[in-house]
Amino acid sequence: MIKILNGSPGFGSVLSEQEVKNFLTNNKYNIHLGTVDEKGHPNIHPTWYYFEALNHKFYVETSKHSKKVSNVRKNEGMYFCDPQPPYKGVRGKGTARIHENIDHNIPIAEKIMTRYLGNLEHPMARALLNAVEKGESVILEISPYYYSTWDYRKSG
């Protein structure tokens, strides 16, 4: 069981663990990842993702030369936020791990492309999967420490 905090005390309700899982599995908003660069400055990266509800892991496909990957190589700390303005959302902190194994990455990338593009035949899906197959892209695996949630549709 993962710790869930109230991200907006007095203005809404905290989401249950099942509501968090449903929200992160079913919505198609970008997750915003926060990393820290070599100068100690914050970087925000809106990205597509796949959420594995069973083990509370986020997966993001990205270029192995991206700023996200460069920052994670120096500091595995990660902040994430998946808002559904203006009513509810999930954010939290965790650690990121870089997966470079192509055989591991292809099925995860396929899940991400299907989630956002509907199928693997979409031209963008084909281009992104091609980058994974060539080893030009990696998968970031984010393991949350906790979630901070809010739902303004429920009374506080």
Foldseek 3Di string as FASTA:
>chain_A
DAAEAAQDPQQFDTDDLVRQLCVLAPDFFWKWKWFAAPVRHIDIDTFFWHADSVQGKIKGKDFCPDRVNNRLVVPQKMKIKDDDPPFKIKIAIWGKDKAQDLVVVLVRLQVRCCNHVVHCVPPVNVVSSVCSNVSRMIMIMTHGNHMHMGGNVHGD
